[in-house]
PDB file of all heavy atoms in Angstrom:
ATOM      1  N   ARG A   1       8.409-114.892  52.875  1.00  0.00           N
ATOM      2  CA  ARG A   1       8.177-114.284  54.197  1.00  0.00           C
ATOM      3  C   ARG A   1       6.858-113.534  54.231  1.00  0.00           C
ATOM      4  O   ARG A   1       6.121-113.589  55.221  1.00  0.00           O
ATOM      5  CB  ARG A   1       9.327-113.339  54.532  1.00  0.00           C
ATOM      6  CG  ARG A   1      10.675-114.028  54.709  1.00  0.00           C
ATOM      7  CD  ARG A   1      11.814-113.027  54.717  1.00  0.00           C
ATOM      8  NE  ARG A   1      11.899-112.298  53.460  1.00  0.00           N
ATOM      9  CZ  ARG A   1      12.737-111.289  53.228  1.00  0.00           C
ATOM     10  NH1 ARG A   1      13.543-110.893  54.202  1.00  0.00           N
ATOM     11  NH2 ARG A   1      12.767-110.677  52.057  1.00  0.00           N
ATOM     12  N   LYS A   2       6.538-112.850  53.148  1.00  0.00           N
ATOM     13  CA  LYS A   2       5.267-112.136  53.061  1.00  0.00           C
ATOM     14  C   LYS A   2       4.118-113.131  53.012  1.00  0.00           C
ATOM     15  O   LYS A   2       3.094-112.975  53.701  1.00  0.00           O
ATOM     16  CB  LYS A   2       5.278-111.236  51.834  1.00  0.00           C
ATOM     17  CG  LYS A   2       3.983-110.472  51.589  1.00  0.00           C
ATOM     18  CD  LYS A   2       3.148-111.118  50.518  1.00  0.00           C
ATOM     19  CE  LYS A   2       1.942-110.280  50.178  1.00  0.00           C
ATOM     20  NZ  LYS A   2       1.026-110.966  49.263  1.00  0.00           N
ATOM     21  N   LEU A   3       4.221-114.175  52.202  1.00  0.00           N
ATOM     22  CA  LEU A   3       3.153-115.165  52.074  1.00  0.00           C
ATOM     23  C   LEU A   3       2.906-115.885  53.399  1.00  0.00           C
ATOM     24  O   LEU A   3       1.750-116.148  53.767  1.00  0.00           O
ATOM     25  CB  LEU A   3       3.495-116.162  50.975  1.00  0.00           C
ATOM     26  CG  LEU A   3       3.549-115.601  49.555  1.00  0.00           C
ATOM     27  CD1 LEU A   3       3.985-116.698  48.573  1.00  0.00           C
ATOM     28  CD2 LEU A   3       2.196-115.032  49.150  1.00  0.00           C
ATOM     29  N   PHE A   4       3.974-116.181  54.118  1.00  0.00           N
ATOM     30  CA  PHE A   4       3.811-116.844  55.423  1.00  0.00           C
ATOM     31  C   PHE A   4       3.048-115.963  56.387  1.00  0.00           C
ATOM     32  O   PHE A   4       2.100-116.417  57.048  1.00  0.00           O
ATOM     33  CB  PHE A   4       5.183-117.203  55.998  1.00  0.00           C
ATOM     34  CG  PHE A   4       5.115-117.728  57.413  1.00  0.00           C
ATOM     35  CD1 PHE A   4       4.731-119.046  57.656  1.00  0.00           C
ATOM     36  CD2 PHE A   4       5.396-116.903  58.497  1.00  0.00           C
ATOM     37  CE1 PHE A   4       4.649-119.529  58.970  1.00  0.00           C
ATOM     38  CE2 PHE A   4       5.316-117.373  59.794  1.00  0.00           C
ATOM     39  CZ  PHE A   4       4.951-118.690  60.024  1.00  0.00           C
ATOM     40  N   ARG A   5       3.433-114.689  56.480  1.00  0.00           N
ATOM     41  CA  ARG A   5       2.752-113.752  57.377  1.00  0.00           C
ATOM     42  C   ARG A   5       1.290-113.596  56.989  1.00  0.00           C
ATOM     43  O   ARG A   5       0.403-113.537  57.847  1.00  0.00           O
ATOM     44  CB  ARG A   5       3.455-112.395  57.361  1.00  0.00           C
ATOM     45  CG  ARG A   5       4.844-112.398  57.930  1.00  0.00           C
ATOM     46  CD  ARG A   5       4.837-112.612  59.430  1.00  0.00           C
ATOM     47  NE  ARG A   5       6.167-112.476  59.999  1.00  0.00           N
ATOM     48  CZ  ARG A   5       6.436-112.608  61.296  1.00  0.00           C
ATOM     49  NH1 ARG A   5       5.448-112.869  62.148  1.00  0.00           N
ATOM     50  NH2 ARG A   5       7.665-112.486  61.749  1.00  0.00           N
ATOM     51  N   GLN A   6       1.045-113.507  55.700  1.00  0.00           N
ATOM     52  CA  GLN A   6      -0.321-113.308  55.218  1.00  0.00           C
ATOM     53  C   GLN A   6      -1.203-114.520  55.498  1.00  0.00           C
ATOM     54  O   GLN A   6      -2.342-114.392  55.949  1.00  0.00           O
ATOM     55  CB  GLN A   6      -0.277-113.012  53.717  1.00  0.00           C
ATOM     56  CG  GLN A   6      -1.619-112.628  53.120  1.00  0.00           C
ATOM     57  CD  GLN A   6      -1.472-112.226  51.663  1.00  0.00           C
ATOM     58  OE1 GLN A   6      -0.382-111.951  51.178  1.00  0.00           O
ATOM     59  NE2 GLN A   6      -2.579-112.196  50.957  1.00  0.00           N
ATOM     60  N   LYS A   7      -0.660-115.697  55.250  1.00  0.00           N
ATOM     61  CA  LYS A   7      -1.472-116.922  55.390  1.00  0.00           C
ATOM     62  C   LYS A   7      -1.692-117.303  56.839  1.00  0.00           C
ATOM     63  O   LYS A   7      -2.672-117.986  57.162  1.00  0.00           O
ATOM     64  CB  LYS A   7      -0.806-118.061  54.632  1.00  0.00           C
ATOM     65  CG  LYS A   7      -0.863-117.906  53.116  1.00  0.00           C
ATOM     66  CD  LYS A   7      -0.214-119.057  52.393  1.00  0.00           C
ATOM     67  CE  LYS A   7      -0.321-118.887  50.879  1.00  0.00           C
ATOM     68  NZ  LYS A   7       0.336-120.007  50.153  1.00  0.00           N
ATOM     69  N   THR A   8      -0.800-116.902  57.721  1.00  0.00           N
ATOM     70  CA  THR A   8      -0.956-117.269  59.139  1.00  0.00           C
ATOM     71  C   THR A   8      -1.630-116.172  59.961  1.00  0.00           C
ATOM     72  O   THR A   8      -1.835-116.353  61.163  1.00  0.00           O
ATOM     73  CB  THR A   8       0.427-117.571  59.766  1.00  0.00           C
ATOM     74  OG1 THR A   8       1.289-116.431  59.619  1.00  0.00           O
ATOM     75  CG2 THR A   8       1.059-118.786  59.097  1.00  0.00           C
ATOM     76  N   ALA A   9      -1.985-115.072  59.310  1.00  0.00           N
ATOM     77  CA  ALA A   9      -2.675-113.988  60.026  1.00  0.00           C
ATOM     78  C   ALA A   9      -4.063-114.427  60.449  1.00  0.00           C
ATOM     79  O   ALA A   9      -4.775-115.137  59.710  1.00  0.00           O
ATOM     80  CB  ALA A   9      -2.766-112.758  59.132  1.00  0.00           C
ATOM     81  N   ARG A  10      -4.474-114.005  61.632  1.00  0.00           N
ATOM     82  CA  ARG A  10      -5.821-114.334  62.119  1.00  0.00           C
ATOM     83  C   ARG A  10      -6.846-113.283  61.692  1.00  0.00           C
ATOM     84  O   ARG A  10      -8.045-113.541  61.710  1.00  0.00           O
ATOM     85  CB  ARG A  10      -5.778-114.458  63.644  1.00  0.00           C
ATOM     86  CG  ARG A  10      -4.862-115.569  64.128  1.00  0.00           C
ATOM     87  CD  ARG A  10      -4.841-115.622  65.646  1.00  0.00           C
ATOM     88  NE  ARG A  10      -6.129-116.006  66.198  1.00  0.00           N
ATOM     89  CZ  ARG A  10      -6.512-115.796  67.448  1.00  0.00           C
ATOM     90  NH1 ARG A  10      -5.690-115.141  68.273  1.00  0.00           N
ATOM     91  NH2 ARG A  10      -7.686-116.189  67.883  1.00  0.00           N
ATOM     92  N   SER A  11      -6.365-112.098  61.342  1.00  0.00           N
ATOM     93  CA  SER A  11      -7.213-111.039  60.780  1.00  0.00           C
ATOM     94  C   SER A  11      -6.483-110.431  59.601  1.00  0.00           C
ATOM     95  O   SER A  11      -5.256-110.231  59.660  1.00  0.00           O
ATOM     96  CB  SER A  11      -7.507-109.952  61.818  1.00  0.00           C
ATOM     97  OG  SER A  11      -8.167-110.482  62.960  1.00  0.00           O
ATOM     98  N   TYR A  12      -7.208-110.148  58.513  1.00  0.00           N
ATOM     99  CA  TYR A  12      -6.591-109.592  57.300  1.00  0.00           C
ATOM    100  C   TYR A  12      -7.463-108.451  56.803  1.00  0.00           C
ATOM    101  O   TYR A  12      -8.647-108.628  56.530  1.00  0.00           O
ATOM    102  CB  TYR A  12      -6.470-110.678  56.234  1.00  0.00           C
ATOM    103  CG  TYR A  12      -5.799-110.220  54.961  1.00  0.00           C
ATOM    104  CD1 TYR A  12      -4.417-110.259  54.829  1.00  0.00           C
ATOM    105  CD2 TYR A  12      -6.546-109.733  53.893  1.00  0.00           C
ATOM    106  CE1 TYR A  12      -3.792-109.834  53.669  1.00  0.00           C
ATOM    107  CE2 TYR A  12      -5.928-109.310  52.726  1.00  0.00           C
ATOM    108  CZ  TYR A  12      -4.543-109.363  52.608  1.00  0.00           C
ATOM    109  OH  TYR A  12      -3.944-108.936  51.464  1.00  0.00           O
ATOM    110  N   LEU A  13      -6.859-107.255  56.716  1.00  0.00           N
ATOM    111  CA  LEU A  13      -7.602-106.075  56.305  1.00  0.00           C
ATOM    112  C   LEU A  13      -7.009-105.484  55.028  1.00  0.00           C
ATOM    113  O   LEU A  13      -5.780-105.381  54.898  1.00  0.00           O
ATOM    114  CB  LEU A  13      -7.582-105.002  57.398  1.00  0.00           C
ATOM    115  CG  LEU A  13      -8.167-105.368  58.760  1.00  0.00           C
ATOM    116  CD1 LEU A  13      -8.114-104.164  59.686  1.00  0.00           C
ATOM    117  CD2 LEU A  13      -9.587-105.881  58.634  1.00  0.00           C
ATOM    118  N   THR A  14      -7.885-105.069  54.126  1.00  0.00           N
ATOM    119  CA  THR A  14      -7.485-104.388  52.901  1.00  0.00           C
ATOM    120  C   THR A  14      -8.061-102.975  52.916  1.00  0.00           C
ATOM    121  O   THR A  14      -8.754-102.579  53.872  1.00  0.00           O
ATOM    122  CB  THR A  14      -8.023-105.132  51.668  1.00  0.00           C
ATOM    123  OG1 THR A  14      -9.453-105.113  51.713  1.00  0.00           O
ATOM    124  CG2 THR A  14      -7.531-106.571  51.645  1.00  0.00           C
ATOM    125  N   ASN A  15      -7.829-102.218  51.845  1.00  0.00           N
ATOM    126  CA  ASN A  15      -8.418-100.876  51.743  1.00  0.00           C
ATOM    127  C   ASN A  15      -9.919-100.914  51.968  1.00  0.00           C
ATOM    128  O   ASN A  15     -10.479-100.074  52.667  1.00  0.00           O
ATOM    129  CB  ASN A  15      -8.142-100.297  50.352  1.00  0.00           C
ATOM    130  CG  ASN A  15      -6.730 -99.783  50.194  1.00  0.00           C
ATOM    131  OD1 ASN A  15      -6.106 -99.372  51.167  1.00  0.00           O
ATOM    132  ND2 ASN A  15      -6.225 -99.797  48.989  1.00  0.00           N
ATOM    133  N   GLU A  16     -10.573-101.870  51.321  1.00  0.00           N
ATOM    134  CA  GLU A  16     -12.041-101.957  51.393  1.00  0.00           C
ATOM    135  C   GLU A  16     -12.513-102.183  52.824  1.00  0.00           C
ATOM    136  O   GLU A  16     -13.509-101.595  53.266  1.00  0.00           O
ATOM    137  CB  GLU A  16     -12.556-103.058  50.471  1.00  0.00           C
ATOM    138  CG  GLU A  16     -12.387-102.778  48.981  1.00  0.00           C
ATOM    139  CD  GLU A  16     -10.954-102.886  48.495  1.00  0.00           C
ATOM    140  OE1 GLU A  16     -10.137-103.549  49.201  1.00  0.00           O
ATOM    141  OE2 GLU A  16     -10.641-102.309  47.449  1.00  0.00           O
ATOM    142  N   ASP A  17     -11.807-103.030  53.554  1.00  0.00           N
ATOM    143  CA  ASP A  17     -12.182-103.291  54.945  1.00  0.00           C
ATOM    144  C   ASP A  17     -12.005-102.042  55.806  1.00  0.00           C
ATOM    145  O   ASP A  17     -12.854-101.721  56.659  1.00  0.00           O
ATOM    146  CB  ASP A  17     -11.323-104.423  55.533  1.00  0.00           C
ATOM    147  CG  ASP A  17     -11.516-105.728  54.788  1.00  0.00           C
ATOM    148  OD1 ASP A  17     -12.662-106.136  54.566  1.00  0.00           O
ATOM    149  OD2 ASP A  17     -10.491-106.334  54.421  1.00  0.00           O
ATOM    150  N   LEU A  18     -10.914-101.329  55.588  1.00  0.00           N
ATOM    151  CA  LEU A  18     -10.657-100.130  56.371  1.00  0.00           C
ATOM    152  C   LEU A  18     -11.709 -99.059  56.085  1.00  0.00           C
ATOM    153  O   LEU A  18     -12.220 -98.400  57.001  1.00  0.00           O
ATOM    154  CB  LEU A  18      -9.262 -99.585  56.057  1.00  0.00           C
ATOM    155  CG  LEU A  18      -8.089-100.503  56.420  1.00  0.00           C
ATOM    156  CD1 LEU A  18      -6.794 -99.926  55.901  1.00  0.00           C
ATOM    157  CD2 LEU A  18      -8.021-100.705  57.921  1.00  0.00           C
ATOM    158  N   ILE A  19     -12.037 -98.888  54.819  1.00  0.00           N
ATOM    159  CA  ILE A  19     -13.044 -97.885  54.442  1.00  0.00           C
ATOM    160  C   ILE A  19     -14.403 -98.246  55.021  1.00  0.00           C
ATOM    161  O   ILE A  19     -15.152 -97.382  55.498  1.00  0.00           O
ATOM    162  CB  ILE A  19     -13.109 -97.757  52.907  1.00  0.00           C
ATOM    163  CG1 ILE A  19     -11.814 -97.134  52.384  1.00  0.00           C
ATOM    164  CG2 ILE A  19     -14.314 -96.921  52.484  1.00  0.00           C
ATOM    165  CD1 ILE A  19     -11.673 -97.172  50.875  1.00  0.00           C
ATOM    166  N   ALA A  20     -14.729 -99.526  55.011  1.00  0.00           N
ATOM    167  CA  ALA A  20     -16.043 -99.959  55.499  1.00  0.00           C
ATOM    168  C   ALA A  20     -16.219 -99.739  56.996  1.00  0.00           C
ATOM    169  O   ALA A  20     -17.366 -99.667  57.480  1.00  0.00           O
ATOM    170  CB  ALA A  20     -16.245-101.442  55.155  1.00  0.00           C
ATOM    171  N   HIS A  21     -15.128 -99.652  57.735  1.00  0.00           N
ATOM    172  CA  HIS A  21     -15.210 -99.516  59.199  1.00  0.00           C
ATOM    173  C   HIS A  21     -14.662 -98.170  59.690  1.00  0.00           C
ATOM    174  O   HIS A  21     -14.200 -98.047  60.823  1.00  0.00           O
ATOM    175  CB  HIS A  21     -14.473-100.672  59.876  1.00  0.00           C
ATOM    176  CG  HIS A  21     -15.120-102.000  59.655  1.00  0.00           C
ATOM    177  ND1 HIS A  21     -14.782-102.835  58.612  1.00  0.00           N
ATOM    178  CD2 HIS A  21     -16.120-102.624  60.331  1.00  0.00           C
ATOM    179  CE1 HIS A  21     -15.519-103.914  58.666  1.00  0.00           C
ATOM    180  NE2 HIS A  21     -16.342-103.832  59.682  1.00  0.00           N
ATOM    181  N   ARG A  22     -14.751 -97.177  58.845  1.00  0.00           N
ATOM    182  CA  ARG A  22     -14.325 -95.839  59.239  1.00  0.00           C
ATOM    183  C   ARG A  22     -15.418 -95.112  59.998  1.00  0.00           C
ATOM    184  O   ARG A  22     -16.599 -95.280  59.723  1.00  0.00           O
ATOM    185  CB  ARG A  22     -13.979 -95.010  57.999  1.00  0.00           C
ATOM    186  CG  ARG A  22     -12.584 -95.218  57.457  1.00  0.00           C
ATOM    187  CD  ARG A  22     -12.403 -94.395  56.199  1.00  0.00           C
ATOM    188  NE  ARG A  22     -11.023 -94.345  55.752  1.00  0.00           N
ATOM    189  CZ  ARG A  22     -10.642 -93.854  54.581  1.00  0.00           C
ATOM    190  NH1 ARG A  22     -11.558 -93.371  53.738  1.00  0.00           N
ATOM    191  NH2 ARG A  22      -9.380 -93.844  54.254  1.00  0.00           N
ATOM    192  N   ASP A  23     -14.967 -94.269  60.926  1.00  0.00           N
ATOM    193  CA  ASP A  23     -15.867 -93.311  61.562  1.00  0.00           C
ATOM    194  C   ASP A  23     -15.992 -92.084  60.671  1.00  0.00           C
ATOM    195  O   ASP A  23     -15.247 -91.946  59.689  1.00  0.00           O
ATOM    196  CB  ASP A  23     -15.311 -92.917  62.931  1.00  0.00           C
ATOM    197  CG  ASP A  23     -15.538 -94.001  63.976  1.00  0.00           C
ATOM    198  OD1 ASP A  23     -16.462 -94.809  63.792  1.00  0.00           O
ATOM    199  OD2 ASP A  23     -14.783 -94.024  64.977  1.00  0.00           O
ATOM    200  N   PRO A  24     -16.898 -91.161  60.981  1.00  0.00           N
ATOM    201  CA  PRO A  24     -17.045 -89.954  60.158  1.00  0.00           C
ATOM    202  C   PRO A  24     -15.779 -89.128  60.021  1.00  0.00           C
ATOM    203  O   PRO A  24     -15.609 -88.410  59.035  1.00  0.00           O
ATOM    204  CB  PRO A  24     -18.140 -89.171  60.910  1.00  0.00           C
ATOM    205  CG  PRO A  24     -18.960 -90.221  61.568  1.00  0.00           C
ATOM    206  CD  PRO A  24     -17.975 -91.278  62.003  1.00  0.00           C
ATOM    207  N   ASP A  25     -14.840 -89.222  61.005  1.00  0.00           N
ATOM    208  CA  ASP A  25     -13.595 -88.456  60.907  1.00  0.00           C
ATOM    209  C   ASP A  25     -12.562 -89.114  59.998  1.00  0.00           C
ATOM    210  O   ASP A  25     -11.465 -88.597  59.809  1.00  0.00           O
ATOM    211  CB  ASP A  25     -12.995 -88.226  62.290  1.00  0.00           C
ATOM    212  CG  ASP A  25     -12.596 -89.526  62.982  1.00  0.00           C
ATOM    213  OD1 ASP A  25     -12.788 -90.613  62.410  1.00  0.00           O
ATOM    214  OD2 ASP A  25     -12.096 -89.446  64.124  1.00  0.00           O
TER     215      ASP A  25
END
């Protein structure tokens, strides 16, 4: 169930992606 959700996602974010798109707050 996890693999299906992950593979069919149109956008996938990890820690690194979230950190890279943070605002100063």
